[in-house]
Amino acid sequence: MEEHMLPCLNKQLFGIDCLGCGIQRAAVLLFRGEFVAAFKMYPAIYTLFILALFLILNFFVTIKHARIIKMVLIIANLLIIVIGYIVKMSNYV
């Protein structure tokens, strides 16, 4: 499965990771049942999974306060992604 992953264009062109680097590998680890390794690879993998499940569920079922819940999940994901990226990049230096 890993041989079919898309390469990071940002990393190929500029030599540095992008905000999404690691999400494909984390998803593979998640599907293999390696939950801790998936989190270490990409900390936002679980919150993104929760957001995706919520969006799919909300497509079929009307949920009270769905807009607020979506916004909270999106902001939480953005914060986790940015903070994880900062931590990862500070470990490279």
PDB file of N, CA and C in Angstrom:
ATOM      1  N   MET A   1       0.820  -1.192   0.000  1.00  0.00           N
ATOM      2  CA  MET A   1       0.000   0.000   0.000  1.00  0.00           C
ATOM      3  C   MET A   1       0.868   1.262   0.000  1.00  0.00           C
ATOM      4  N   GLU A   2       1.978   1.217   0.705  1.00  0.00           N
ATOM      5  CA  GLU A   2       2.827   2.399   0.805  1.00  0.00           C
ATOM      6  C   GLU A   2       3.478   2.795  -0.521  1.00  0.00           C
ATOM      7  N   GLU A   3       3.644   1.824  -1.428  1.00  0.00           N
ATOM      8  CA  GLU A   3       4.245   2.154  -2.709  1.00  0.00           C
ATOM      9  C   GLU A   3       3.295   2.951  -3.608  1.00  0.00           C
ATOM     10  N   HIS A   4       2.015   3.037  -3.225  1.00  0.00           N
ATOM     11  CA  HIS A   4       1.019   3.774  -4.002  1.00  0.00           C
ATOM     12  C   HIS A   4       0.722   5.161  -3.425  1.00  0.00           C
ATOM     13  N   MET A   5       1.481   5.574  -2.412  1.00  0.00           N
ATOM     14  CA  MET A   5       1.242   6.881  -1.797  1.00  0.00           C
ATOM     15  C   MET A   5       1.746   8.008  -2.695  1.00  0.00           C
ATOM     16  N   LEU A   6       1.063   9.126  -2.606  1.00  0.00           N
ATOM     17  CA  LEU A   6       1.467  10.309  -3.367  1.00  0.00           C
ATOM     18  C   LEU A   6       2.655  10.970  -2.682  1.00  0.00           C
ATOM     19  N   PRO A   7       3.657  11.384  -3.444  1.00  0.00           N
ATOM     20  CA  PRO A   7       4.783  12.090  -2.836  1.00  0.00           C
ATOM     21  C   PRO A   7       4.402  13.536  -2.515  1.00  0.00           C
ATOM     22  N   CYS A   8       5.064  14.094  -1.540  1.00  0.00           N
ATOM     23  CA  CYS A   8       4.819  15.493  -1.162  1.00  0.00           C
ATOM     24  C   CYS A   8       5.571  16.397  -2.134  1.00  0.00           C
ATOM     25  N   LEU A   9       4.826  17.168  -2.901  1.00  0.00           N
ATOM     26  CA  LEU A   9       5.423  18.071  -3.874  1.00  0.00           C
ATOM     27  C   LEU A   9       6.253  19.155  -3.182  1.00  0.00           C
ATOM     28  N   ASN A  10       5.767  19.648  -2.051  1.00  0.00           N
ATOM     29  CA  ASN A  10       6.488  20.673  -1.302  1.00  0.00           C
ATOM     30  C   ASN A  10       7.853  20.150  -0.849  1.00  0.00           C
ATOM     31  N   LYS A  11       7.872  18.916  -0.360  1.00  0.00           N
ATOM     32  CA  LYS A  11       9.127  18.332   0.108  1.00  0.00           C
ATOM     33  C   LYS A  11      10.073  18.063  -1.067  1.00  0.00           C
ATOM     34  N   GLN A  12       9.524  17.659  -2.201  1.00  0.00           N
ATOM     35  CA  GLN A  12      10.367  17.416  -3.379  1.00  0.00           C
ATOM     36  C   GLN A  12      10.964  18.705  -3.922  1.00  0.00           C
ATOM     37  N   LEU A  13      10.173  19.782  -3.937  1.00  0.00           N
ATOM     38  CA  LEU A  13      10.648  21.037  -4.518  1.00  0.00           C
ATOM     39  C   LEU A  13      11.519  21.847  -3.574  1.00  0.00           C
ATOM     40  N   PHE A  14      11.103  21.928  -2.300  1.00  0.00           N
ATOM     41  CA  PHE A  14      11.781  22.816  -1.357  1.00  0.00           C
ATOM     42  C   PHE A  14      12.571  22.099  -0.271  1.00  0.00           C
ATOM     43  N   GLY A  15      12.362  20.799  -0.129  1.00  0.00           N
ATOM     44  CA  GLY A  15      13.116  20.039   0.848  1.00  0.00           C
ATOM     45  C   GLY A  15      12.601  20.118   2.271  1.00  0.00           C
ATOM     46  N   ILE A  16      11.415  20.703   2.475  1.00  0.00           N
ATOM     47  CA  ILE A  16      10.843  20.758   3.824  1.00  0.00           C
ATOM     48  C   ILE A  16       9.432  20.180   3.798  1.00  0.00           C
ATOM     49  N   ASP A  17       9.039  19.650   4.937  1.00  0.00           N
ATOM     50  CA  ASP A  17       7.700  19.070   5.056  1.00  0.00           C
ATOM     51  C   ASP A  17       6.633  20.146   4.946  1.00  0.00           C
ATOM     52  N   CYS A  18       5.452  19.735   4.490  1.00  0.00           N
ATOM     53  CA  CYS A  18       4.298  20.631   4.472  1.00  0.00           C
ATOM     54  C   CYS A  18       3.412  20.286   5.677  1.00  0.00           C
ATOM     55  N   LEU A  19       2.320  20.999   5.831  1.00  0.00           N
ATOM     56  CA  LEU A  19       1.411  20.752   6.959  1.00  0.00           C
ATOM     57  C   LEU A  19       0.719  19.394   6.864  1.00  0.00           C
ATOM     58  N   GLY A  20       0.677  18.812   5.687  1.00  0.00           N
ATOM     59  CA  GLY A  20       0.007  17.528   5.514  1.00  0.00           C
ATOM     60  C   GLY A  20       0.944  16.337   5.464  1.00  0.00           C
ATOM     61  N   CYS A  21       2.244  16.591   5.520  1.00  0.00           N
ATOM     62  CA  CYS A  21       3.203  15.485   5.456  1.00  0.00           C
ATOM     63  C   CYS A  21       2.979  14.526   6.617  1.00  0.00           C
ATOM     64  N   GLY A  22       2.816  13.270   6.272  1.00  0.00           N
ATOM     65  CA  GLY A  22       2.624  12.233   7.280  1.00  0.00           C
ATOM     66  C   GLY A  22       1.212  11.714   7.376  1.00  0.00           C
ATOM     67  N   ILE A  23       0.239  12.413   6.784  1.00  0.00           N
ATOM     68  CA  ILE A  23      -1.157  11.995   6.944  1.00  0.00           C
ATOM     69  C   ILE A  23      -1.434  10.670   6.230  1.00  0.00           C
ATOM     70  N   GLN A  24      -0.824  10.457   5.063  1.00  0.00           N
ATOM     71  CA  GLN A  24      -1.035   9.186   4.363  1.00  0.00           C
ATOM     72  C   GLN A  24      -0.440   8.028   5.152  1.00  0.00           C
ATOM     73  N   ARG A  25       0.780   8.213   5.640  1.00  0.00           N
ATOM     74  CA  ARG A  25       1.424   7.155   6.418  1.00  0.00           C
ATOM     75  C   ARG A  25       0.678   6.915   7.725  1.00  0.00           C
ATOM     76  N   ALA A  26       0.159   7.986   8.336  1.00  0.00           N
ATOM     77  CA  ALA A  26      -0.617   7.836   9.566  1.00  0.00           C
ATOM     78  C   ALA A  26      -1.909   7.078   9.311  1.00  0.00           C
ATOM     79  N   ALA A  27      -2.539   7.323   8.175  1.00  0.00           N
ATOM     80  CA  ALA A  27      -3.778   6.603   7.835  1.00  0.00           C
ATOM     81  C   ALA A  27      -3.492   5.114   7.646  1.00  0.00           C
ATOM     82  N   VAL A  28      -2.377   4.800   6.992  1.00  0.00           N
ATOM     83  CA  VAL A  28      -2.004   3.389   6.820  1.00  0.00           C
ATOM     84  C   VAL A  28      -1.759   2.744   8.181  1.00  0.00           C
ATOM     85  N   LEU A  29      -1.035   3.434   9.046  1.00  0.00           N
ATOM     86  CA  LEU A  29      -0.780   2.909  10.387  1.00  0.00           C
ATOM     87  C   LEU A  29      -2.081   2.723  11.163  1.00  0.00           C
ATOM     88  N   LEU A  30      -3.003   3.658  11.004  1.00  0.00           N
ATOM     89  CA  LEU A  30      -4.294   3.569  11.677  1.00  0.00           C
ATOM     90  C   LEU A  30      -5.064   2.337  11.210  1.00  0.00           C
ATOM     91  N   PHE A  31      -5.085   2.092   9.917  1.00  0.00           N
ATOM     92  CA  PHE A  31      -5.794   0.929   9.385  1.00  0.00           C
ATOM     93  C   PHE A  31      -5.120  -0.382   9.751  1.00  0.00           C
ATOM     94  N   ARG A  32      -3.826  -0.333  10.024  1.00  0.00           N
ATOM     95  CA  ARG A  32      -3.102  -1.527  10.473  1.00  0.00           C
ATOM     96  C   ARG A  32      -3.299  -1.787  11.967  1.00  0.00           C
ATOM     97  N   GLY A  33      -3.882  -0.821  12.666  1.00  0.00           N
ATOM     98  CA  GLY A  33      -4.099  -0.975  14.098  1.00  0.00           C
ATOM     99  C   GLY A  33      -2.960  -0.446  14.954  1.00  0.00           C
ATOM    100  N   GLU A  34      -2.040   0.257  14.351  1.00  0.00           N
ATOM    101  CA  GLU A  34      -0.921   0.847  15.081  1.00  0.00           C
ATOM    102  C   GLU A  34      -1.305   2.271  15.489  1.00  0.00           C
ATOM    103  N   PHE A  35      -2.124   2.377  16.522  1.00  0.00           N
ATOM    104  CA  PHE A  35      -2.758   3.639  16.892  1.00  0.00           C
ATOM    105  C   PHE A  35      -1.778   4.667  17.443  1.00  0.00           C
ATOM    106  N   VAL A  36      -0.857   4.238  18.272  1.00  0.00           N
ATOM    107  CA  VAL A  36       0.124   5.172  18.849  1.00  0.00           C
ATOM    108  C   VAL A  36       1.072   5.666  17.764  1.00  0.00           C
ATOM    109  N   ALA A  37       1.511   4.770  16.906  1.00  0.00           N
ATOM    110  CA  ALA A  37       2.404   5.160  15.815  1.00  0.00           C
ATOM    111  C   ALA A  37       1.706   6.132  14.858  1.00  0.00           C
ATOM    112  N   ALA A  38       0.414   5.918  14.623  1.00  0.00           N
ATOM    113  CA  ALA A  38      -0.342   6.828  13.761  1.00  0.00           C
ATOM    114  C   ALA A  38      -0.404   8.221  14.369  1.00  0.00           C
ATOM    115  N   PHE A  39      -0.621   8.290  15.679  1.00  0.00           N
ATOM    116  CA  PHE A  39      -0.658   9.588  16.363  1.00  0.00           C
ATOM    117  C   PHE A  39       0.698  10.268  16.312  1.00  0.00           C
ATOM    118  N   LYS A  40       1.764   9.510  16.520  1.00  0.00           N
ATOM    119  CA  LYS A  40       3.107  10.095  16.475  1.00  0.00           C
ATOM    120  C   LYS A  40       3.456  10.585  15.075  1.00  0.00           C
ATOM    121  N   MET A  41       2.967   9.886  14.065  1.00  0.00           N
ATOM    122  CA  MET A  41       3.246  10.271  12.685  1.00  0.00           C
ATOM    123  C   MET A  41       2.512  11.568  12.315  1.00  0.00           C
ATOM    124  N   TYR A  42       1.235  11.667  12.727  1.00  0.00           N
ATOM    125  CA  TYR A  42       0.429  12.841  12.382  1.00  0.00           C
ATOM    126  C   TYR A  42      -0.608  13.035  13.492  1.00  0.00           C
ATOM    127  N   PRO A  43      -0.343  13.910  14.457  1.00  0.00           N
ATOM    128  CA  PRO A  43      -1.201  14.044  15.643  1.00  0.00           C
ATOM    129  C   PRO A  43      -2.669  14.370  15.354  1.00  0.00           C
ATOM    130  N   ALA A  44      -2.972  14.971  14.230  1.00  0.00           N
ATOM    131  CA  ALA A  44      -4.355  15.353  13.935  1.00  0.00           C
ATOM    132  C   ALA A  44      -5.157  14.227  13.292  1.00  0.00           C
ATOM    133  N   ILE A  45      -4.586  13.048  13.155  1.00  0.00           N
ATOM    134  CA  ILE A  45      -5.270  11.968  12.448  1.00  0.00           C
ATOM    135  C   ILE A  45      -6.601  11.618  13.103  1.00  0.00           C
ATOM    136  N   TYR A  46      -6.660  11.609  14.416  1.00  0.00           N
ATOM    137  CA  TYR A  46      -7.902  11.218  15.098  1.00  0.00           C
ATOM    138  C   TYR A  46      -8.958  12.308  15.037  1.00  0.00           C
ATOM    139  N   THR A  47      -8.555  13.554  15.201  1.00  0.00           N
ATOM    140  CA  THR A  47      -9.542  14.630  15.130  1.00  0.00           C
ATOM    141  C   THR A  47     -10.047  14.822  13.701  1.00  0.00           C
ATOM    142  N   LEU A  48      -9.189  14.589  12.724  1.00  0.00           N
ATOM    143  CA  LEU A  48      -9.641  14.635  11.329  1.00  0.00           C
ATOM    144  C   LEU A  48     -10.620  13.498  11.039  1.00  0.00           C
ATOM    145  N   PHE A  49     -10.365  12.346  11.616  1.00  0.00           N
ATOM    146  CA  PHE A  49     -11.264  11.203  11.461  1.00  0.00           C
ATOM    147  C   PHE A  49     -12.622  11.516  12.091  1.00  0.00           C
ATOM    148  N   ILE A  50     -12.606  12.131  13.277  1.00  0.00           N
ATOM    149  CA  ILE A  50     -13.860  12.514  13.942  1.00  0.00           C
ATOM    150  C   ILE A  50     -14.604  13.550  13.108  1.00  0.00           C
ATOM    151  N   LEU A  51     -13.885  14.528  12.574  1.00  0.00           N
ATOM    152  CA  LEU A  51     -14.511  15.543  11.717  1.00  0.00           C
ATOM    153  C   LEU A  51     -15.138  14.906  10.482  1.00  0.00           C
ATOM    154  N   ALA A  52     -14.423  13.992   9.842  1.00  0.00           N
ATOM    155  CA  ALA A  52     -14.957  13.326   8.648  1.00  0.00           C
ATOM    156  C   ALA A  52     -16.212  12.521   8.987  1.00  0.00           C
ATOM    157  N   LEU A  53     -16.180  11.798  10.095  1.00  0.00           N
ATOM    158  CA  LEU A  53     -17.361  11.041  10.514  1.00  0.00           C
ATOM    159  C   LEU A  53     -18.549  11.962  10.792  1.00  0.00           C
ATOM    160  N   PHE A  54     -18.271  13.084  11.451  1.00  0.00           N
ATOM    161  CA  PHE A  54     -19.341  14.034  11.750  1.00  0.00           C
ATOM    162  C   PHE A  54     -19.933  14.610  10.469  1.00  0.00           C
ATOM    163  N   LEU A  55     -19.087  14.969   9.510  1.00  0.00           N
ATOM    164  CA  LEU A  55     -19.585  15.532   8.250  1.00  0.00           C
ATOM    165  C   LEU A  55     -20.418  14.518   7.479  1.00  0.00           C
ATOM    166  N   ILE A  56     -19.980  13.271   7.475  1.00  0.00           N
ATOM    167  CA  ILE A  56     -20.753  12.221   6.797  1.00  0.00           C
ATOM    168  C   ILE A  56     -22.087  12.001   7.502  1.00  0.00           C
ATOM    169  N   LEU A  57     -22.059  11.921   8.823  1.00  0.00           N
ATOM    170  CA  LEU A  57     -23.287  11.732   9.599  1.00  0.00           C
ATOM    171  C   LEU A  57     -24.244  12.900   9.394  1.00  0.00           C
ATOM    172  N   ASN A  58     -23.708  14.108   9.408  1.00  0.00           N
ATOM    173  CA  ASN A  58     -24.537  15.300   9.249  1.00  0.00           C
ATOM    174  C   ASN A  58     -25.142  15.387   7.845  1.00  0.00           C
ATOM    175  N   PHE A  59     -24.544  14.728   6.893  1.00  0.00           N
ATOM    176  CA  PHE A  59     -25.093  14.685   5.547  1.00  0.00           C
ATOM    177  C   PHE A  59     -26.406  13.903   5.510  1.00  0.00           C
ATOM    178  N   PHE A  60     -26.504  12.880   6.347  1.00  0.00           N
ATOM    179  CA  PHE A  60     -27.684  12.022   6.361  1.00  0.00           C
ATOM    180  C   PHE A  60     -28.672  12.349   7.478  1.00  0.00           C
ATOM    181  N   VAL A  61     -28.186  12.917   8.585  1.00  0.00           N
ATOM    182  CA  VAL A  61     -29.008  13.186   9.759  1.00  0.00           C
ATOM    183  C   VAL A  61     -28.864  14.661  10.125  1.00  0.00           C
ATOM    184  N   THR A  62     -29.977  15.299  10.442  1.00  0.00           N
ATOM    185  CA  THR A  62     -29.924  16.678  10.895  1.00  0.00           C
ATOM    186  C   THR A  62     -29.508  16.703  12.364  1.00  0.00           C
ATOM    187  N   ILE A  63     -28.433  17.416  12.632  1.00  0.00           N
ATOM    188  CA  ILE A  63     -27.896  17.494  13.986  1.00  0.00           C
ATOM    189  C   ILE A  63     -28.061  18.917  14.489  1.00  0.00           C
ATOM    190  N   LYS A  64     -28.600  19.014  15.696  1.00  0.00           N
ATOM    191  CA  LYS A  64     -28.791  20.326  16.304  1.00  0.00           C
ATOM    192  C   LYS A  64     -27.420  20.952  16.578  1.00  0.00           C
ATOM    193  N   HIS A  65     -27.267  22.214  16.275  1.00  0.00           N
ATOM    194  CA  HIS A  65     -26.021  22.973  16.458  1.00  0.00           C
ATOM    195  C   HIS A  65     -24.880  22.415  15.616  1.00  0.00           C
ATOM    196  N   ALA A  66     -25.185  21.844  14.472  1.00  0.00           N
ATOM    197  CA  ALA A  66     -24.166  21.238  13.607  1.00  0.00           C
ATOM    198  C   ALA A  66     -23.133  22.262  13.151  1.00  0.00           C
ATOM    199  N   ARG A  67     -23.579  23.469  12.861  1.00  0.00           N
ATOM    200  CA  ARG A  67     -22.646  24.491  12.383  1.00  0.00           C
ATOM    201  C   ARG A  67     -21.600  24.826  13.442  1.00  0.00           C
ATOM    202  N   ILE A  68     -22.019  24.958  14.685  1.00  0.00           N
ATOM    203  CA  ILE A  68     -21.092  25.261  15.779  1.00  0.00           C
ATOM    204  C   ILE A  68     -20.130  24.091  15.999  1.00  0.00           C
ATOM    205  N   ILE A  69     -20.657  22.881  15.966  1.00  0.00           N
ATOM    206  CA  ILE A  69     -19.823  21.694  16.156  1.00  0.00           C
ATOM    207  C   ILE A  69     -18.790  21.602  15.038  1.00  0.00           C
ATOM    208  N   LYS A  70     -19.201  21.852  13.801  1.00  0.00           N
ATOM    209  CA  LYS A  70     -18.263  21.834  12.679  1.00  0.00           C
ATOM    210  C   LYS A  70     -17.153  22.856  12.863  1.00  0.00           C
ATOM    211  N   MET A  71     -17.532  24.054  13.263  1.00  0.00           N
ATOM    212  CA  MET A  71     -16.535  25.110  13.438  1.00  0.00           C
ATOM    213  C   MET A  71     -15.546  24.755  14.548  1.00  0.00           C
ATOM    214  N   VAL A  72     -16.043  24.206  15.641  1.00  0.00           N
ATOM    215  CA  VAL A  72     -15.161  23.812  16.744  1.00  0.00           C
ATOM    216  C   VAL A  72     -14.204  22.711  16.286  1.00  0.00           C
ATOM    217  N   LEU A  73     -14.728  21.727  15.566  1.00  0.00           N
ATOM    218  CA  LEU A  73     -13.877  20.640  15.075  1.00  0.00           C
ATOM    219  C   LEU A  73     -12.843  21.147  14.071  1.00  0.00           C
ATOM    220  N   ILE A  74     -13.240  22.044  13.193  1.00  0.00           N
ATOM    221  CA  ILE A  74     -12.312  22.589  12.200  1.00  0.00           C
ATOM    222  C   ILE A  74     -11.214  23.403  12.877  1.00  0.00           C
ATOM    223  N   ILE A  75     -11.586  24.249  13.820  1.00  0.00           N
ATOM    224  CA  ILE A  75     -10.586  25.060  14.526  1.00  0.00           C
ATOM    225  C   ILE A  75      -9.650  24.171  15.338  1.00  0.00           C
ATOM    226  N   ALA A  76     -10.204  23.164  16.006  1.00  0.00           N
ATOM    227  CA  ALA A  76      -9.372  22.235  16.776  1.00  0.00           C
ATOM    228  C   ALA A  76      -8.381  21.523  15.861  1.00  0.00           C
ATOM    229  N   ASN A  77      -8.853  21.087  14.689  1.00  0.00           N
ATOM    230  CA  ASN A  77      -7.964  20.418  13.739  1.00  0.00           C
ATOM    231  C   ASN A  77      -6.864  21.343  13.249  1.00  0.00           C
ATOM    232  N   LEU A  78      -7.226  22.560  12.914  1.00  0.00           N
ATOM    233  CA  LEU A  78      -6.215  23.513  12.457  1.00  0.00           C
ATOM    234  C   LEU A  78      -5.161  23.770  13.521  1.00  0.00           C
ATOM    235  N   LEU A  79      -5.604  23.941  14.759  1.00  0.00           N
ATOM    236  CA  LEU A  79      -4.650  24.163  15.850  1.00  0.00           C
ATOM    237  C   LEU A  79      -3.725  22.970  16.034  1.00  0.00           C
ATOM    238  N   ILE A  80      -4.283  21.774  16.022  1.00  0.00           N
ATOM    239  CA  ILE A  80      -3.459  20.576  16.200  1.00  0.00           C
ATOM    240  C   ILE A  80      -2.477  20.419  15.045  1.00  0.00           C
ATOM    241  N   ILE A  81      -2.929  20.670  13.827  1.00  0.00           N
ATOM    242  CA  ILE A  81      -2.052  20.555  12.659  1.00  0.00           C
ATOM    243  C   ILE A  81      -0.905  21.558  12.739  1.00  0.00           C
ATOM    244  N   VAL A  82      -1.216  22.805  13.041  1.00  0.00           N
ATOM    245  CA  VAL A  82      -0.185  23.849  13.087  1.00  0.00           C
ATOM    246  C   VAL A  82       0.780  23.606  14.249  1.00  0.00           C
ATOM    247  N   ILE A  83       0.263  23.282  15.414  1.00  0.00           N
ATOM    248  CA  ILE A  83       1.135  23.034  16.571  1.00  0.00           C
ATOM    249  C   ILE A  83       2.004  21.798  16.318  1.00  0.00           C
ATOM    250  N   GLY A  84       1.421  20.738  15.759  1.00  0.00           N
ATOM    251  CA  GLY A  84       2.202  19.548  15.424  1.00  0.00           C
ATOM    252  C   GLY A  84       3.299  19.844  14.414  1.00  0.00           C
ATOM    253  N   TYR A  85       2.988  20.688  13.443  1.00  0.00           N
ATOM    254  CA  TYR A  85       3.980  21.069  12.436  1.00  0.00           C
ATOM    255  C   TYR A  85       5.119  21.860  13.073  1.00  0.00           C
ATOM    256  N   ILE A  86       4.782  22.799  13.939  1.00  0.00           N
ATOM    257  CA  ILE A  86       5.798  23.590  14.613  1.00  0.00           C
ATOM    258  C   ILE A  86       6.704  22.704  15.455  1.00  0.00           C
ATOM    259  N   VAL A  87       6.110  21.774  16.182  1.00  0.00           N
ATOM    260  CA  VAL A  87       6.901  20.860  17.011  1.00  0.00           C
ATOM    261  C   VAL A  87       7.810  19.997  16.133  1.00  0.00           C
ATOM    262  N   LYS A  88       7.259  19.470  15.022  1.00  0.00           N
ATOM    263  CA  LYS A  88       8.048  18.619  14.129  1.00  0.00           C
ATOM    264  C   LYS A  88       9.211  19.406  13.527  1.00  0.00           C
ATOM    265  N   MET A  89       8.946  20.623  13.075  1.00  0.00           N
ATOM    266  CA  MET A  89       9.989  21.418  12.449  1.00  0.00           C
ATOM    267  C   MET A  89      11.019  21.883  13.473  1.00  0.00           C
ATOM    268  N   SER A  90      10.625  22.119  14.703  1.00  0.00           N
ATOM    269  CA  SER A  90      11.598  22.532  15.724  1.00  0.00           C
ATOM    270  C   SER A  90      12.503  21.370  16.112  1.00  0.00           C
ATOM    271  N   ASN A  91      12.051  20.135  15.913  1.00  0.00           N
ATOM    272  CA  ASN A  91      12.892  18.978  16.204  1.00  0.00           C
ATOM    273  C   ASN A  91      13.918  18.737  15.104  1.00  0.00           C
ATOM    274  N   TYR A  92      13.705  19.288  13.910  1.00  0.00           N
ATOM    275  CA  TYR A  92      14.653  19.158  12.820  1.00  0.00           C
ATOM    276  C   TYR A  92      15.871  20.065  13.006  1.00  0.00           C
ATOM    277  N   VAL A  93      15.669  21.168  13.722  1.00  0.00           N
ATOM    278  CA  VAL A  93      16.740  22.161  13.858  1.00  0.00           C
ATOM    279  C   VAL A  93      17.781  21.713  14.834  1.00  0.00           C
TER     280      VAL A  93
END
